N, C-alpha and C. Protein backbone atom coordinates (compact mmCIF):
# COMPACT_ATOMS: atom_id res chain seq x y z
N MET A 1 -202.06 -96.55 -173.73
CA MET A 1 -202.82 -95.90 -172.66
C MET A 1 -203.35 -96.97 -171.72
N HIS A 2 -203.17 -96.78 -170.46
CA HIS A 2 -203.68 -97.71 -169.45
C HIS A 2 -204.93 -97.11 -168.84
N ARG A 3 -205.97 -97.89 -168.75
CA ARG A 3 -207.19 -97.43 -168.11
C ARG A 3 -207.78 -98.55 -167.27
N THR A 4 -208.51 -98.16 -166.28
CA THR A 4 -209.15 -99.13 -165.39
C THR A 4 -210.57 -99.37 -165.85
N GLU A 5 -210.93 -100.62 -166.03
CA GLU A 5 -212.30 -100.98 -166.38
C GLU A 5 -213.05 -101.26 -165.08
N VAL A 6 -214.26 -100.76 -164.96
CA VAL A 6 -215.08 -100.97 -163.77
C VAL A 6 -216.34 -101.71 -164.19
N ILE A 7 -216.56 -102.88 -163.63
CA ILE A 7 -217.77 -103.65 -163.91
C ILE A 7 -218.51 -103.83 -162.59
N THR A 8 -219.76 -103.38 -162.56
CA THR A 8 -220.56 -103.46 -161.34
C THR A 8 -221.90 -104.08 -161.69
N ARG A 9 -222.33 -105.04 -160.91
CA ARG A 9 -223.68 -105.59 -161.08
C ARG A 9 -224.64 -104.70 -160.29
N VAL A 10 -225.75 -104.34 -160.90
CA VAL A 10 -226.72 -103.47 -160.24
C VAL A 10 -227.13 -104.07 -158.90
N GLY A 11 -227.38 -105.37 -158.85
CA GLY A 11 -227.77 -106.01 -157.60
C GLY A 11 -226.67 -106.01 -156.55
N GLY A 12 -225.42 -105.81 -156.99
CA GLY A 12 -224.31 -105.79 -156.06
C GLY A 12 -224.04 -104.42 -155.45
N ALA A 13 -224.61 -103.39 -156.03
CA ALA A 13 -224.41 -102.03 -155.52
C ALA A 13 -225.45 -101.75 -154.44
N SER A 14 -224.99 -101.28 -153.29
CA SER A 14 -225.95 -101.02 -152.21
C SER A 14 -226.72 -99.73 -152.46
N ALA A 15 -227.98 -99.73 -152.07
CA ALA A 15 -228.86 -98.57 -152.28
C ALA A 15 -228.74 -97.60 -151.12
N VAL A 16 -228.75 -96.32 -151.44
CA VAL A 16 -228.74 -95.25 -150.45
C VAL A 16 -229.97 -94.39 -150.71
N GLU A 17 -230.72 -94.06 -149.66
CA GLU A 17 -231.90 -93.22 -149.83
C GLU A 17 -231.48 -91.76 -149.81
N LEU A 18 -231.70 -91.06 -150.93
CA LEU A 18 -231.37 -89.64 -151.03
C LEU A 18 -232.46 -88.75 -150.47
N ALA A 19 -233.68 -89.18 -150.62
CA ALA A 19 -234.87 -88.45 -150.16
C ALA A 19 -235.97 -89.48 -150.05
N PRO A 20 -237.07 -89.15 -149.38
CA PRO A 20 -238.16 -90.13 -149.31
C PRO A 20 -238.59 -90.58 -150.70
N GLY A 21 -238.55 -91.89 -150.94
CA GLY A 21 -238.95 -92.45 -152.22
C GLY A 21 -237.90 -92.40 -153.31
N VAL A 22 -236.67 -91.96 -152.98
CA VAL A 22 -235.60 -91.87 -153.98
C VAL A 22 -234.39 -92.65 -153.50
N GLU A 23 -234.05 -93.71 -154.25
CA GLU A 23 -232.87 -94.52 -153.93
C GLU A 23 -231.85 -94.38 -155.05
N VAL A 24 -230.57 -94.42 -154.70
CA VAL A 24 -229.52 -94.38 -155.71
C VAL A 24 -228.52 -95.51 -155.43
N ARG A 25 -228.09 -96.14 -156.49
CA ARG A 25 -227.06 -97.18 -156.43
C ARG A 25 -225.89 -96.71 -157.29
N MET A 26 -224.75 -96.47 -156.67
CA MET A 26 -223.57 -96.02 -157.40
C MET A 26 -222.98 -97.21 -158.16
N LEU A 27 -222.79 -97.04 -159.47
CA LEU A 27 -222.28 -98.11 -160.32
C LEU A 27 -220.82 -97.92 -160.69
N ALA A 28 -220.40 -96.68 -160.87
CA ALA A 28 -218.99 -96.38 -161.17
C ALA A 28 -218.64 -95.05 -160.52
N THR A 29 -217.63 -95.06 -159.69
CA THR A 29 -217.15 -93.85 -159.01
C THR A 29 -215.64 -93.99 -158.80
N GLY A 30 -215.02 -92.91 -158.37
CA GLY A 30 -213.61 -92.98 -158.02
C GLY A 30 -213.34 -94.00 -156.93
N ALA A 31 -214.28 -94.12 -155.99
CA ALA A 31 -214.12 -95.09 -154.90
C ALA A 31 -214.11 -96.53 -155.42
N LEU A 32 -214.74 -96.75 -156.59
CA LEU A 32 -214.77 -98.09 -157.18
C LEU A 32 -213.67 -98.28 -158.23
N GLY A 33 -212.83 -97.25 -158.41
CA GLY A 33 -211.71 -97.35 -159.34
C GLY A 33 -211.89 -96.61 -160.65
N ALA A 34 -213.04 -96.02 -160.90
CA ALA A 34 -213.26 -95.28 -162.15
C ALA A 34 -212.49 -93.96 -162.11
N LYS A 35 -212.06 -93.51 -163.27
CA LYS A 35 -211.35 -92.23 -163.37
C LYS A 35 -212.10 -91.31 -164.30
N GLY A 36 -212.51 -90.14 -163.81
CA GLY A 36 -213.19 -89.15 -164.63
C GLY A 36 -214.63 -89.51 -164.98
N LEU A 37 -215.23 -90.40 -164.21
CA LEU A 37 -216.59 -90.82 -164.51
C LEU A 37 -217.29 -91.26 -163.24
N SER A 38 -218.52 -90.88 -163.10
CA SER A 38 -219.39 -91.50 -162.10
C SER A 38 -220.73 -91.73 -162.74
N THR A 39 -221.32 -92.84 -162.38
CA THR A 39 -222.63 -93.16 -162.89
C THR A 39 -223.40 -93.93 -161.83
N ALA A 40 -224.71 -93.75 -161.85
CA ALA A 40 -225.54 -94.37 -160.83
C ALA A 40 -226.90 -94.70 -161.42
N LEU A 41 -227.61 -95.57 -160.74
CA LEU A 41 -228.98 -95.89 -161.09
C LEU A 41 -229.86 -95.35 -159.98
N ALA A 42 -230.71 -94.40 -160.31
CA ALA A 42 -231.62 -93.82 -159.32
C ALA A 42 -233.03 -94.34 -159.57
N THR A 43 -233.72 -94.67 -158.50
CA THR A 43 -235.10 -95.15 -158.58
C THR A 43 -235.99 -94.19 -157.82
N PHE A 44 -236.99 -93.67 -158.51
CA PHE A 44 -237.94 -92.73 -157.91
C PHE A 44 -239.30 -93.42 -157.80
N GLN A 45 -239.87 -93.42 -156.63
CA GLN A 45 -241.23 -93.90 -156.46
C GLN A 45 -242.17 -92.82 -157.01
N PRO A 46 -243.40 -93.18 -157.41
CA PRO A 46 -244.33 -92.17 -157.93
C PRO A 46 -244.48 -90.97 -156.98
N GLN A 47 -244.50 -89.80 -157.54
CA GLN A 47 -244.67 -88.52 -156.84
C GLN A 47 -243.48 -88.13 -155.96
N SER A 48 -242.39 -88.87 -155.98
CA SER A 48 -241.22 -88.48 -155.17
C SER A 48 -240.38 -87.49 -155.97
N GLU A 49 -239.53 -86.76 -155.26
CA GLU A 49 -238.71 -85.74 -155.91
C GLU A 49 -237.46 -85.46 -155.10
N LEU A 50 -236.49 -84.87 -155.78
CA LEU A 50 -235.28 -84.39 -155.12
C LEU A 50 -235.33 -82.87 -155.08
N PRO A 51 -234.82 -82.25 -154.03
CA PRO A 51 -234.75 -80.80 -154.02
C PRO A 51 -233.80 -80.31 -155.11
N TYR A 52 -233.99 -79.09 -155.55
CA TYR A 52 -233.11 -78.50 -156.56
C TYR A 52 -231.67 -78.57 -156.06
N HIS A 53 -230.77 -78.99 -156.94
CA HIS A 53 -229.36 -79.06 -156.59
C HIS A 53 -228.54 -78.92 -157.86
N THR A 54 -227.25 -78.73 -157.71
CA THR A 54 -226.36 -78.58 -158.86
C THR A 54 -225.23 -79.60 -158.78
N HIS A 55 -224.57 -79.78 -159.91
CA HIS A 55 -223.40 -80.65 -160.00
C HIS A 55 -222.28 -79.85 -160.67
N PRO A 56 -221.02 -80.16 -160.36
CA PRO A 56 -219.91 -79.45 -161.00
C PRO A 56 -219.58 -80.02 -162.38
N CYS A 57 -220.47 -80.84 -162.92
CA CYS A 57 -220.22 -81.47 -164.22
C CYS A 57 -221.56 -81.68 -164.92
N SER A 58 -221.51 -82.20 -166.12
CA SER A 58 -222.74 -82.50 -166.85
C SER A 58 -223.45 -83.67 -166.21
N GLU A 59 -224.75 -83.78 -166.47
CA GLU A 59 -225.53 -84.88 -165.92
C GLU A 59 -226.39 -85.45 -167.04
N VAL A 60 -226.51 -86.76 -167.06
CA VAL A 60 -227.34 -87.45 -168.04
C VAL A 60 -228.47 -88.13 -167.28
N ILE A 61 -229.70 -87.95 -167.75
CA ILE A 61 -230.86 -88.58 -167.13
C ILE A 61 -231.53 -89.45 -168.18
N ILE A 62 -231.66 -90.73 -167.89
CA ILE A 62 -232.31 -91.68 -168.79
C ILE A 62 -233.50 -92.27 -168.05
N VAL A 63 -234.69 -92.10 -168.59
CA VAL A 63 -235.90 -92.63 -167.96
C VAL A 63 -236.13 -94.03 -168.53
N LEU A 64 -236.07 -95.04 -167.66
CA LEU A 64 -236.25 -96.42 -168.10
C LEU A 64 -237.72 -96.80 -168.18
N THR A 65 -238.51 -96.36 -167.21
CA THR A 65 -239.96 -96.56 -167.24
C THR A 65 -240.61 -95.36 -166.60
N GLY A 66 -241.86 -95.09 -166.95
CA GLY A 66 -242.57 -93.96 -166.38
C GLY A 66 -242.20 -92.67 -167.06
N SER A 67 -242.32 -91.58 -166.34
CA SER A 67 -242.00 -90.27 -166.88
C SER A 67 -241.32 -89.44 -165.80
N ALA A 68 -240.70 -88.34 -166.21
CA ALA A 68 -240.00 -87.48 -165.26
C ALA A 68 -240.14 -86.03 -165.68
N LEU A 69 -240.19 -85.15 -164.72
CA LEU A 69 -240.15 -83.72 -164.95
C LEU A 69 -238.82 -83.25 -164.38
N VAL A 70 -237.98 -82.67 -165.22
CA VAL A 70 -236.65 -82.23 -164.80
C VAL A 70 -236.55 -80.73 -165.00
N SER A 71 -236.21 -80.01 -163.97
CA SER A 71 -236.01 -78.56 -164.06
C SER A 71 -234.52 -78.28 -164.03
N THR A 72 -234.06 -77.42 -164.95
CA THR A 72 -232.65 -77.06 -165.00
C THR A 72 -232.49 -75.55 -165.07
N CYS A 73 -231.31 -75.10 -164.75
CA CYS A 73 -230.97 -73.68 -164.82
C CYS A 73 -229.65 -73.56 -165.57
N TRP A 74 -229.67 -72.99 -166.78
CA TRP A 74 -228.45 -72.84 -167.56
C TRP A 74 -227.88 -71.45 -167.35
N GLN A 75 -226.61 -71.37 -167.08
CA GLN A 75 -225.96 -70.08 -166.90
C GLN A 75 -224.79 -69.99 -167.87
N SER A 76 -224.55 -68.79 -168.36
CA SER A 76 -223.39 -68.53 -169.19
C SER A 76 -222.80 -67.20 -168.75
N SER A 77 -221.71 -66.82 -169.35
CA SER A 77 -221.08 -65.57 -168.95
C SER A 77 -221.98 -64.36 -169.20
N SER A 78 -222.95 -64.49 -170.10
CA SER A 78 -223.85 -63.38 -170.36
C SER A 78 -225.10 -63.40 -169.48
N GLY A 79 -225.21 -64.38 -168.60
CA GLY A 79 -226.35 -64.47 -167.70
C GLY A 79 -227.21 -65.68 -168.02
N ARG A 80 -228.41 -65.71 -167.43
CA ARG A 80 -229.31 -66.84 -167.63
C ARG A 80 -229.97 -66.80 -169.00
N ARG A 81 -230.27 -68.03 -169.50
CA ARG A 81 -231.03 -68.15 -170.74
C ARG A 81 -232.35 -68.78 -170.46
């Protein structure tokens, strides 16, 4: 099996502001050569937030310092849980 390895230094990834006080640095994406994976480092300033949004895939949130409040909406064929 052939696969592409993607190595990115956090300091080498440029930051994009998603919302006031929220920056994201893309570490692995299709644009960087990754297949079937994207990952990023997001930095939230105190009291900052992102508007509710969805993704077409699973999402992993790891809090490195501080705390976070995450709201999610789970749907299944039988409706909301």
